[in-house]
Amino acid sequence: MDNDMQRENDNRRSVIKMGTVEKNRFSELLEELLNTAEIKNANLAKSLQYDVSYISKWISGRMLPAEKTKRKVMEDLSKDCFTDDNCS
């Protein structure tokens, strides 16, 4: 198992231990950027080569990606938003 996948599993365990799921800043920003850019969860999952269920869990706050993945997702979505007419 690579380090990113291990971190995601660790994050998932931490969230489950908390009992309740609160949206975190990453989840809120991800949802907002996806909505603004009019990008579907399935499209993001395909571009990142992740299962769409991971994207849904990231948005709900039930699971978080590794820091490296968070940065890539936010950078890519921000670029898409700033170069796409849908985000103006």
C-alpha atoms as a PDB file:
ATOM      1  CA  MET A   1       0.000   0.000   0.000  1.00  0.00           C
ATOM      2  CA  ASP A   2       1.472   3.371  -0.941  1.00  0.00           C
ATOM      3  CA  ASN A   3       1.838   6.254   1.510  1.00  0.00           C
ATOM      4  CA  ASP A   4      -1.091   8.270   0.091  1.00  0.00           C
ATOM      5  CA  MET A   5      -3.479   5.349   0.446  1.00  0.00           C
ATOM      6  CA  GLN A   6      -2.237   4.692   4.002  1.00  0.00           C
ATOM      7  CA  ARG A   7      -2.807   8.350   4.954  1.00  0.00           C
ATOM      8  CA  GLU A   8      -6.331   8.205   3.496  1.00  0.00           C
ATOM      9  CA  ASN A   9      -7.075   5.101   5.544  1.00  0.00           C
ATOM     10  CA  ASP A  10      -5.677   6.793   8.668  1.00  0.00           C
ATOM     11  CA  ASN A  11      -7.813   9.879   7.993  1.00  0.00           C
ATOM     12  CA  ARG A  12     -10.855   7.670   7.521  1.00  0.00           C
ATOM     13  CA  ARG A  13     -10.249   5.943  10.847  1.00  0.00           C
ATOM     14  CA  SER A  14      -9.875   9.307  12.582  1.00  0.00           C
ATOM     15  CA  VAL A  15     -13.168  10.553  11.182  1.00  0.00           C
ATOM     16  CA  ILE A  16     -14.977   7.356  12.119  1.00  0.00           C
ATOM     17  CA  LYS A  17     -13.645   7.550  15.697  1.00  0.00           C
ATOM     18  CA  MET A  18     -15.099  11.052  16.043  1.00  0.00           C
ATOM     19  CA  GLY A  19     -18.574   9.571  15.678  1.00  0.00           C
ATOM     20  CA  THR A  20     -20.119  12.534  13.916  1.00  0.00           C
ATOM     21  CA  VAL A  21     -19.053  13.872  10.580  1.00  0.00           C
ATOM     22  CA  GLU A  22     -18.440  17.568  10.351  1.00  0.00           C
ATOM     23  CA  LYS A  23     -17.564  19.197   7.095  1.00  0.00           C
ATOM     24  CA  ASN A  24     -14.020  20.448   7.163  1.00  0.00           C
ATOM     25  CA  ARG A  25     -12.540  23.287   5.157  1.00  0.00           C
ATOM     26  CA  PHE A  26     -11.307  20.977   2.384  1.00  0.00           C
ATOM     27  CA  SER A  27     -14.758  19.400   1.988  1.00  0.00           C
ATOM     28  CA  GLU A  28     -16.464  22.782   1.855  1.00  0.00           C
ATOM     29  CA  LEU A  29     -13.997  24.173  -0.690  1.00  0.00           C
ATOM     30  CA  LEU A  30     -14.143  21.051  -2.828  1.00  0.00           C
ATOM     31  CA  GLU A  31     -17.921  21.132  -2.985  1.00  0.00           C
ATOM     32  CA  GLU A  32     -17.951  24.851  -3.774  1.00  0.00           C
ATOM     33  CA  LEU A  33     -15.332  24.557  -6.523  1.00  0.00           C
ATOM     34  CA  LEU A  34     -17.068  21.569  -8.109  1.00  0.00           C
ATOM     35  CA  ASN A  35     -20.381  23.418  -8.106  1.00  0.00           C
ATOM     36  CA  THR A  36     -18.871  26.631  -9.430  1.00  0.00           C
ATOM     37  CA  ALA A  37     -16.961  24.858 -12.193  1.00  0.00           C
ATOM     38  CA  GLU A  38     -19.978  22.635 -12.889  1.00  0.00           C
ATOM     39  CA  ILE A  39     -17.820  19.533 -12.620  1.00  0.00           C
ATOM     40  CA  LYS A  40     -19.468  16.262 -11.680  1.00  0.00           C
ATOM     41  CA  ASN A  41     -17.974  13.995  -9.022  1.00  0.00           C
ATOM     42  CA  ALA A  42     -17.543  11.272 -11.653  1.00  0.00           C
ATOM     43  CA  ASN A  43     -15.489  13.580 -13.884  1.00  0.00           C
ATOM     44  CA  LEU A  44     -13.176  14.533 -11.037  1.00  0.00           C
ATOM     45  CA  ALA A  45     -12.827  10.881 -10.034  1.00  0.00           C
ATOM     46  CA  LYS A  46     -11.916   9.924 -13.586  1.00  0.00           C
ATOM     47  CA  SER A  47      -9.316  12.691 -13.920  1.00  0.00           C
ATOM     48  CA  LEU A  48      -7.714  11.711 -10.583  1.00  0.00           C
ATOM     49  CA  GLN A  49      -8.088   7.984 -11.255  1.00  0.00           C
ATOM     50  CA  TYR A  50     -10.092   7.459  -8.067  1.00  0.00           C
ATOM     51  CA  ASP A  51     -13.398   5.738  -7.533  1.00  0.00           C
ATOM     52  CA  VAL A  52     -16.296   8.205  -7.432  1.00  0.00           C
ATOM     53  CA  SER A  53     -17.185   6.983  -3.925  1.00  0.00           C
ATOM     54  CA  TYR A  54     -13.923   8.520  -2.649  1.00  0.00           C
ATOM     55  CA  ILE A  55     -14.916  11.901  -4.078  1.00  0.00           C
ATOM     56  CA  SER A  56     -18.323  11.684  -2.387  1.00  0.00           C
ATOM     57  CA  LYS A  57     -16.666  10.839   0.931  1.00  0.00           C
ATOM     58  CA  TRP A  58     -14.263  13.767   0.562  1.00  0.00           C
ATOM     59  CA  ILE A  59     -17.172  16.143  -0.064  1.00  0.00           C
ATOM     60  CA  SER A  60     -19.200  14.826   2.864  1.00  0.00           C
ATOM     61  CA  GLY A  61     -16.185  14.953   5.170  1.00  0.00           C
ATOM     62  CA  ARG A  62     -16.385  11.218   5.945  1.00  0.00           C
ATOM     63  CA  MET A  63     -12.909  10.738   4.526  1.00  0.00           C
ATOM     64  CA  LEU A  64     -10.026  12.991   3.554  1.00  0.00           C
ATOM     65  CA  PRO A  65      -7.367  12.538   0.906  1.00  0.00           C
ATOM     66  CA  ALA A  66      -3.661  12.757   1.659  1.00  0.00           C
ATOM     67  CA  GLU A  67      -2.236  16.297   1.795  1.00  0.00           C
ATOM     68  CA  LYS A  68      -0.500  15.823  -1.564  1.00  0.00           C
ATOM     69  CA  THR A  69      -3.811  14.805  -3.147  1.00  0.00           C
ATOM     70  CA  LYS A  70      -5.657  17.718  -1.500  1.00  0.00           C
ATOM     71  CA  ARG A  71      -3.204  20.193  -3.026  1.00  0.00           C
ATOM     72  CA  LYS A  72      -3.446  18.600  -6.473  1.00  0.00           C
ATOM     73  CA  VAL A  73      -7.248  18.587  -6.400  1.00  0.00           C
ATOM     74  CA  MET A  74      -7.491  22.225  -5.293  1.00  0.00           C
ATOM     75  CA  GLU A  75      -4.854  23.411  -7.768  1.00  0.00           C
ATOM     76  CA  ASP A  76      -6.455  21.565 -10.681  1.00  0.00           C
ATOM     77  CA  LEU A  77      -9.972  22.732  -9.831  1.00  0.00           C
ATOM     78  CA  SER A  78      -8.817  26.310  -9.313  1.00  0.00           C
ATOM     79  CA  LYS A  79      -7.092  26.290 -12.708  1.00  0.00           C
ATOM     80  CA  ASP A  80     -10.215  24.864 -14.330  1.00  0.00           C
ATOM     81  CA  CYS A  81     -12.348  27.487 -12.646  1.00  0.00           C
ATOM     82  CA  PHE A  82     -10.156  30.405 -13.647  1.00  0.00           C
ATOM     83  CA  THR A  83      -9.831  29.253 -17.261  1.00  0.00           C
ATOM     84  CA  ASP A  84     -13.466  28.229 -17.709  1.00  0.00           C
ATOM     85  CA  ASP A  85     -16.276  30.627 -18.599  1.00  0.00           C
ATOM     86  CA  ASN A  86     -18.577  28.756 -16.186  1.00  0.00           C
ATOM     87  CA  CYS A  87     -16.691  30.176 -13.219  1.00  0.00           C
ATOM     88  CA  SER A  88     -16.804  33.861 -14.096  1.00  0.00           C
END
